[in-house]
Amino acid sequence: HCILAAWSCDSEEHWSKDGIGGICYNSFLDETVMVDRATSIREYIDQYPEVMNTEPPDNLKERYSG
């Protein structure tokens, strides 16, 4: 959910890795850490890419699906 929000913080037609969308996206991935306070979101996704295809639990789907 948060990754998609960071990705879309700029309009898609103007999105670029160096524009505001890219800055938000990369900042979120690199500066937000897991509960261990050491592993960045980017590091976690690199280590466990399947997490991006995991559906939320049924009781949270509506809350986090859009």
PDB file of N, CA and C in Angstrom:
ATOM      1  N   HIS A   1       0.825  -1.188   0.000  1.00  0.00           N
ATOM      2  CA  HIS A   1       0.000   0.000   0.000  1.00  0.00           C
ATOM      3  C   HIS A   1       0.873   1.258   0.000  1.00  0.00           C
ATOM      4  N   CYS A   2       1.807   1.356   0.910  1.00  0.00           N
ATOM      5  CA  CYS A   2       2.658   2.545   1.011  1.00  0.00           C
ATOM      6  C   CYS A   2       3.584   2.680  -0.188  1.00  0.00           C
ATOM      7  N   ILE A   3       4.052   1.565  -0.704  1.00  0.00           N
ATOM      8  CA  ILE A   3       4.919   1.615  -1.884  1.00  0.00           C
ATOM      9  C   ILE A   3       4.150   2.179  -3.065  1.00  0.00           C
ATOM     10  N   LEU A   4       2.919   1.738  -3.251  1.00  0.00           N
ATOM     11  CA  LEU A   4       2.099   2.262  -4.344  1.00  0.00           C
ATOM     12  C   LEU A   4       1.808   3.742  -4.148  1.00  0.00           C
ATOM     13  N   ALA A   5       1.564   4.157  -2.920  1.00  0.00           N
ATOM     14  CA  ALA A   5       1.314   5.569  -2.641  1.00  0.00           C
ATOM     15  C   ALA A   5       2.554   6.406  -2.948  1.00  0.00           C
ATOM     16  N   ALA A   6       3.721   5.940  -2.571  1.00  0.00           N
ATOM     17  CA  ALA A   6       4.959   6.669  -2.863  1.00  0.00           C
ATOM     18  C   ALA A   6       5.204   6.728  -4.361  1.00  0.00           C
ATOM     19  N   TRP A   7       4.907   5.633  -5.051  1.00  0.00           N
ATOM     20  CA  TRP A   7       5.086   5.577  -6.507  1.00  0.00           C
ATOM     21  C   TRP A   7       4.178   6.587  -7.192  1.00  0.00           C
ATOM     22  N   SER A   8       2.956   6.736  -6.698  1.00  0.00           N
ATOM     23  CA  SER A   8       1.978   7.563  -7.391  1.00  0.00           C
ATOM     24  C   SER A   8       1.865   8.967  -6.816  1.00  0.00           C
ATOM     25  N   CYS A   9       2.844   9.434  -6.066  1.00  0.00           N
ATOM     26  CA  CYS A   9       2.732  10.770  -5.490  1.00  0.00           C
ATOM     27  C   CYS A   9       2.903  11.856  -6.542  1.00  0.00           C
ATOM     28  N   ASP A  10       3.202  11.487  -7.752  1.00  0.00           N
ATOM     29  CA  ASP A  10       3.235  12.412  -8.878  1.00  0.00           C
ATOM     30  C   ASP A  10       2.399  11.766  -9.980  1.00  0.00           C
ATOM     31  N   SER A  11       1.877  12.543 -10.893  1.00  0.00           N
ATOM     32  CA  SER A  11       1.051  11.959 -11.949  1.00  0.00           C
ATOM     33  C   SER A  11       1.891  11.032 -12.825  1.00  0.00           C
ATOM     34  N   GLU A  12       1.275   9.944 -13.284  1.00  0.00           N
ATOM     35  CA  GLU A  12       2.006   8.943 -14.064  1.00  0.00           C
ATOM     36  C   GLU A  12       2.637   9.528 -15.310  1.00  0.00           C
ATOM     37  N   GLU A  13       1.959  10.464 -15.965  1.00  0.00           N
ATOM     38  CA  GLU A  13       2.517  10.989 -17.211  1.00  0.00           C
ATOM     39  C   GLU A  13       3.762  11.827 -16.976  1.00  0.00           C
ATOM     40  N   HIS A  14       3.956  12.300 -15.747  1.00  0.00           N
ATOM     41  CA  HIS A  14       5.138  13.093 -15.429  1.00  0.00           C
ATOM     42  C   HIS A  14       6.129  12.353 -14.532  1.00  0.00           C
ATOM     43  N   TRP A  15       5.823  11.087 -14.209  1.00  0.00           N
ATOM     44  CA  TRP A  15       6.666  10.355 -13.277  1.00  0.00           C
ATOM     45  C   TRP A  15       8.016  10.057 -13.890  1.00  0.00           C
ATOM     46  N   SER A  16       9.046  10.285 -13.135  1.00  0.00           N
ATOM     47  CA  SER A  16      10.396   9.881 -13.532  1.00  0.00           C
ATOM     48  C   SER A  16      11.176   9.600 -12.266  1.00  0.00           C
ATOM     49  N   LYS A  17      12.213   8.805 -12.408  1.00  0.00           N
ATOM     50  CA  LYS A  17      12.987   8.446 -11.221  1.00  0.00           C
ATOM     51  C   LYS A  17      13.644   9.656 -10.569  1.00  0.00           C
ATOM     52  N   ASP A  18      13.820  10.736 -11.328  1.00  0.00           N
ATOM     53  CA  ASP A  18      14.442  11.939 -10.784  1.00  0.00           C
ATOM     54  C   ASP A  18      13.429  13.010 -10.395  1.00  0.00           C
ATOM     55  N   GLY A  19      12.152  12.815 -10.764  1.00  0.00           N
ATOM     56  CA  GLY A  19      11.100  13.771 -10.427  1.00  0.00           C
ATOM     57  C   GLY A  19      10.585  13.518  -9.025  1.00  0.00           C
ATOM     58  N   ILE A  20       9.553  14.245  -8.656  1.00  0.00           N
ATOM     59  CA  ILE A  20       9.012  14.132  -7.297  1.00  0.00           C
ATOM     60  C   ILE A  20       8.552  12.715  -7.001  1.00  0.00           C
ATOM     61  N   GLY A  21       7.943  12.036  -7.973  1.00  0.00           N
ATOM     62  CA  GLY A  21       7.517  10.653  -7.767  1.00  0.00           C
ATOM     63  C   GLY A  21       8.684   9.746  -7.441  1.00  0.00           C
ATOM     64  N   GLY A  22       9.750   9.876  -8.189  1.00  0.00           N
ATOM     65  CA  GLY A  22      10.938   9.060  -7.959  1.00  0.00           C
ATOM     66  C   GLY A  22      11.612   9.383  -6.638  1.00  0.00           C
ATOM     67  N   ILE A  23      11.615  10.645  -6.287  1.00  0.00           N
ATOM     68  CA  ILE A  23      12.209  11.054  -5.013  1.00  0.00           C
ATOM     69  C   ILE A  23      11.423  10.450  -3.853  1.00  0.00           C
ATOM     70  N   CYS A  24      10.099  10.549  -3.914  1.00  0.00           N
ATOM     71  CA  CYS A  24       9.253   9.975  -2.855  1.00  0.00           C
ATOM     72  C   CYS A  24       9.431   8.467  -2.783  1.00  0.00           C
ATOM     73  N   TYR A  25       9.364   7.829  -3.927  1.00  0.00           N
ATOM     74  CA  TYR A  25       9.462   6.366  -4.011  1.00  0.00           C
ATOM     75  C   TYR A  25      10.795   5.874  -3.451  1.00  0.00           C
ATOM     76  N   ASN A  26      11.883   6.455  -3.937  1.00  0.00           N
ATOM     77  CA  ASN A  26      13.205   6.019  -3.479  1.00  0.00           C
ATOM     78  C   ASN A  26      13.451   6.360  -2.016  1.00  0.00           C
ATOM     79  N   SER A  27      12.961   7.505  -1.585  1.00  0.00           N
ATOM     80  CA  SER A  27      13.088   7.871  -0.175  1.00  0.00           C
ATOM     81  C   SER A  27      12.364   6.868   0.708  1.00  0.00           C
ATOM     82  N   PHE A  28      11.136   6.500   0.316  1.00  0.00           N
ATOM     83  CA  PHE A  28      10.387   5.524   1.103  1.00  0.00           C
ATOM     84  C   PHE A  28      11.133   4.198   1.166  1.00  0.00           C
ATOM     85  N   LEU A  29      11.606   3.709   0.014  1.00  0.00           N
ATOM     86  CA  LEU A  29      12.287   2.416  -0.012  1.00  0.00           C
ATOM     87  C   LEU A  29      13.590   2.415   0.778  1.00  0.00           C
ATOM     88  N   ASP A  30      14.317   3.514   0.737  1.00  0.00           N
ATOM     89  CA  ASP A  30      15.650   3.552   1.342  1.00  0.00           C
ATOM     90  C   ASP A  30      15.681   4.083   2.774  1.00  0.00           C
ATOM     91  N   GLU A  31      14.693   4.882   3.169  1.00  0.00           N
ATOM     92  CA  GLU A  31      14.749   5.528   4.478  1.00  0.00           C
ATOM     93  C   GLU A  31      13.715   5.005   5.476  1.00  0.00           C
ATOM     94  N   THR A  32      12.835   4.121   5.026  1.00  0.00           N
ATOM     95  CA  THR A  32      11.876   3.497   5.927  1.00  0.00           C
ATOM     96  C   THR A  32      12.407   2.122   6.279  1.00  0.00           C
ATOM     97  N   VAL A  33      12.430   1.805   7.549  1.00  0.00           N
ATOM     98  CA  VAL A  33      13.026   0.541   7.979  1.00  0.00           C
ATOM     99  C   VAL A  33      11.986  -0.378   8.605  1.00  0.00           C
ATOM    100  N   MET A  34      12.316  -1.648   8.603  1.00  0.00           N
ATOM    101  CA  MET A  34      11.473  -2.663   9.213  1.00  0.00           C
ATOM    102  C   MET A  34      11.570  -2.531  10.738  1.00  0.00           C
ATOM    103  N   VAL A  35      10.826  -3.362  11.434  1.00  0.00           N
ATOM    104  CA  VAL A  35      10.771  -3.296  12.893  1.00  0.00           C
ATOM    105  C   VAL A  35      12.149  -3.501  13.545  1.00  0.00           C
ATOM    106  N   ASP A  36      13.074  -4.127  12.819  1.00  0.00           N
ATOM    107  CA  ASP A  36      14.419  -4.326  13.383  1.00  0.00           C
ATOM    108  C   ASP A  36      15.234  -3.032  13.413  1.00  0.00           C
ATOM    109  N   ARG A  37      14.693  -1.968  12.806  1.00  0.00           N
ATOM    110  CA  ARG A  37      15.336  -0.650  12.748  1.00  0.00           C
ATOM    111  C   ARG A  37      16.651  -0.637  11.982  1.00  0.00           C
ATOM    112  N   ALA A  38      16.875  -1.657  11.175  1.00  0.00           N
ATOM    113  CA  ALA A  38      18.110  -1.724  10.403  1.00  0.00           C
ATOM    114  C   ALA A  38      17.867  -2.039   8.924  1.00  0.00           C
ATOM    115  N   THR A  39      16.886  -2.879   8.643  1.00  0.00           N
ATOM    116  CA  THR A  39      16.628  -3.329   7.283  1.00  0.00           C
ATOM    117  C   THR A  39      15.671  -2.363   6.587  1.00  0.00           C
ATOM    118  N   SER A  40      16.142  -1.774   5.482  1.00  0.00           N
ATOM    119  CA  SER A  40      15.266  -0.868   4.735  1.00  0.00           C
ATOM    120  C   SER A  40      14.209  -1.668   3.986  1.00  0.00           C
ATOM    121  N   ILE A  41      13.149  -0.978   3.597  1.00  0.00           N
ATOM    122  CA  ILE A  41      12.097  -1.619   2.807  1.00  0.00           C
ATOM    123  C   ILE A  41      12.699  -2.180   1.517  1.00  0.00           C
ATOM    124  N   ARG A  42      13.577  -1.418   0.878  1.00  0.00           N
ATOM    125  CA  ARG A  42      14.207  -1.886  -0.364  1.00  0.00           C
ATOM    126  C   ARG A  42      15.000  -3.173  -0.120  1.00  0.00           C
ATOM    127  N   GLU A  43      15.770  -3.226   0.944  1.00  0.00           N
ATOM    128  CA  GLU A  43      16.543  -4.430   1.260  1.00  0.00           C
ATOM    129  C   GLU A  43      15.619  -5.623   1.504  1.00  0.00           C
ATOM    130  N   TYR A  44      14.519  -5.392   2.214  1.00  0.00           N
ATOM    131  CA  TYR A  44      13.577  -6.465   2.516  1.00  0.00           C
ATOM    132  C   TYR A  44      12.946  -6.998   1.234  1.00  0.00           C
ATOM    133  N   ILE A  45      12.518  -6.088   0.360  1.00  0.00           N
ATOM    134  CA  ILE A  45      11.905  -6.517  -0.907  1.00  0.00           C
ATOM    135  C   ILE A  45      12.924  -7.233  -1.783  1.00  0.00           C
ATOM    136  N   ASP A  46      14.158  -6.763  -1.787  1.00  0.00           N
ATOM    137  CA  ASP A  46      15.202  -7.465  -2.558  1.00  0.00           C
ATOM    138  C   ASP A  46      15.397  -8.888  -2.034  1.00  0.00           C
ATOM    139  N   GLN A  47      15.336  -9.056  -0.724  1.00  0.00           N
ATOM    140  CA  GLN A  47      15.537 -10.372  -0.110  1.00  0.00           C
ATOM    141  C   GLN A  47      14.299 -11.261  -0.233  1.00  0.00           C
ATOM    142  N   TYR A  48      13.117 -10.657  -0.172  1.00  0.00           N
ATOM    143  CA  TYR A  48      11.852 -11.416  -0.221  1.00  0.00           C
ATOM    144  C   TYR A  48      10.906 -10.809  -1.260  1.00  0.00           C
ATOM    145  N   PRO A  49      11.227 -10.890  -2.549  1.00  0.00           N
ATOM    146  CA  PRO A  49      10.402 -10.236  -3.576  1.00  0.00           C
ATOM    147  C   PRO A  49       8.965 -10.757  -3.639  1.00  0.00           C
ATOM    148  N   GLU A  50       8.743 -11.973  -3.179  1.00  0.00           N
ATOM    149  CA  GLU A  50       7.397 -12.544  -3.212  1.00  0.00           C
ATOM    150  C   GLU A  50       6.412 -11.769  -2.339  1.00  0.00           C
ATOM    151  N   VAL A  51       6.912 -10.971  -1.408  1.00  0.00           N
ATOM    152  CA  VAL A  51       6.023 -10.200  -0.539  1.00  0.00           C
ATOM    153  C   VAL A  51       5.160  -9.226  -1.350  1.00  0.00           C
ATOM    154  N   MET A  52       5.657  -8.798  -2.498  1.00  0.00           N
ATOM    155  CA  MET A  52       4.895  -7.862  -3.320  1.00  0.00           C
ATOM    156  C   MET A  52       3.688  -8.522  -3.981  1.00  0.00           C
ATOM    157  N   ASN A  53       3.633  -9.832  -4.001  1.00  0.00           N
ATOM    158  CA  ASN A  53       2.509 -10.550  -4.589  1.00  0.00           C
ATOM    159  C   ASN A  53       1.578 -11.132  -3.534  1.00  0.00           C
ATOM    160  N   THR A  54       1.865 -10.864  -2.281  1.00  0.00           N
ATOM    161  CA  THR A  54       1.075 -11.411  -1.183  1.00  0.00           C
ATOM    162  C   THR A  54      -0.163 -10.550  -0.948  1.00  0.00           C
ATOM    163  N   GLU A  55      -1.309 -11.205  -0.876  1.00  0.00           N
ATOM    164  CA  GLU A  55      -2.569 -10.507  -0.592  1.00  0.00           C
ATOM    165  C   GLU A  55      -2.687 -10.264   0.912  1.00  0.00           C
ATOM    166  N   PRO A  56      -3.304  -9.147   1.298  1.00  0.00           N
ATOM    167  CA  PRO A  56      -3.536  -8.926   2.731  1.00  0.00           C
ATOM    168  C   PRO A  56      -4.570  -9.923   3.254  1.00  0.00           C
ATOM    169  N   PRO A  57      -4.630 -10.133   4.560  1.00  0.00           N
ATOM    170  CA  PRO A  57      -5.652 -11.002   5.131  1.00  0.00           C
ATOM    171  C   PRO A  57      -7.044 -10.471   4.758  1.00  0.00           C
ATOM    172  N   ASP A  58      -8.012 -11.369   4.668  1.00  0.00           N
ATOM    173  CA  ASP A  58      -9.365 -10.990   4.257  1.00  0.00           C
ATOM    174  C   ASP A  58      -9.930  -9.824   5.071  1.00  0.00           C
ATOM    175  N   ASN A  59      -9.681  -9.816   6.374  1.00  0.00           N
ATOM    176  CA  ASN A  59     -10.246  -8.751   7.205  1.00  0.00           C
ATOM    177  C   ASN A  59      -9.596  -7.385   6.964  1.00  0.00           C
ATOM    178  N   LEU A  60      -8.492  -7.333   6.211  1.00  0.00           N
ATOM    179  CA  LEU A  60      -7.829  -6.060   5.916  1.00  0.00           C
ATOM    180  C   LEU A  60      -7.871  -5.685   4.435  1.00  0.00           C
ATOM    181  N   LYS A  61      -8.365  -6.570   3.583  1.00  0.00           N
ATOM    182  CA  LYS A  61      -8.350  -6.314   2.141  1.00  0.00           C
ATOM    183  C   LYS A  61      -9.038  -5.011   1.773  1.00  0.00           C
ATOM    184  N   GLU A  62     -10.213  -4.774   2.291  1.00  0.00           N
ATOM    185  CA  GLU A  62     -10.941  -3.570   1.931  1.00  0.00           C
ATOM    186  C   GLU A  62     -10.193  -2.318   2.391  1.00  0.00           C
ATOM    187  N   ARG A  63      -9.612  -2.388   3.551  1.00  0.00           N
ATOM    188  CA  ARG A  63      -8.900  -1.236   4.109  1.00  0.00           C
ATOM    189  C   ARG A  63      -7.664  -0.860   3.288  1.00  0.00           C
ATOM    190  N   TYR A  64      -6.924  -1.868   2.799  1.00  0.00           N
ATOM    191  CA  TYR A  64      -5.647  -1.618   2.137  1.00  0.00           C
ATOM    192  C   TYR A  64      -5.652  -1.848   0.631  1.00  0.00           C
ATOM    193  N   SER A  65      -6.799  -1.933   0.025  1.00  0.00           N
ATOM    194  CA  SER A  65      -6.838  -2.218  -1.407  1.00  0.00           C
ATOM    195  C   SER A  65      -7.139  -1.003  -2.274  1.00  0.00           C
ATOM    196  N   GLY A  66      -6.953   0.143  -1.778  1.00  0.00           N
ATOM    197  CA  GLY A  66      -7.141   1.227  -2.685  1.00  0.00           C
ATOM    198  C   GLY A  66      -7.532   2.502  -2.134  1.00  0.00           C
TER     199      GLY A  66
END
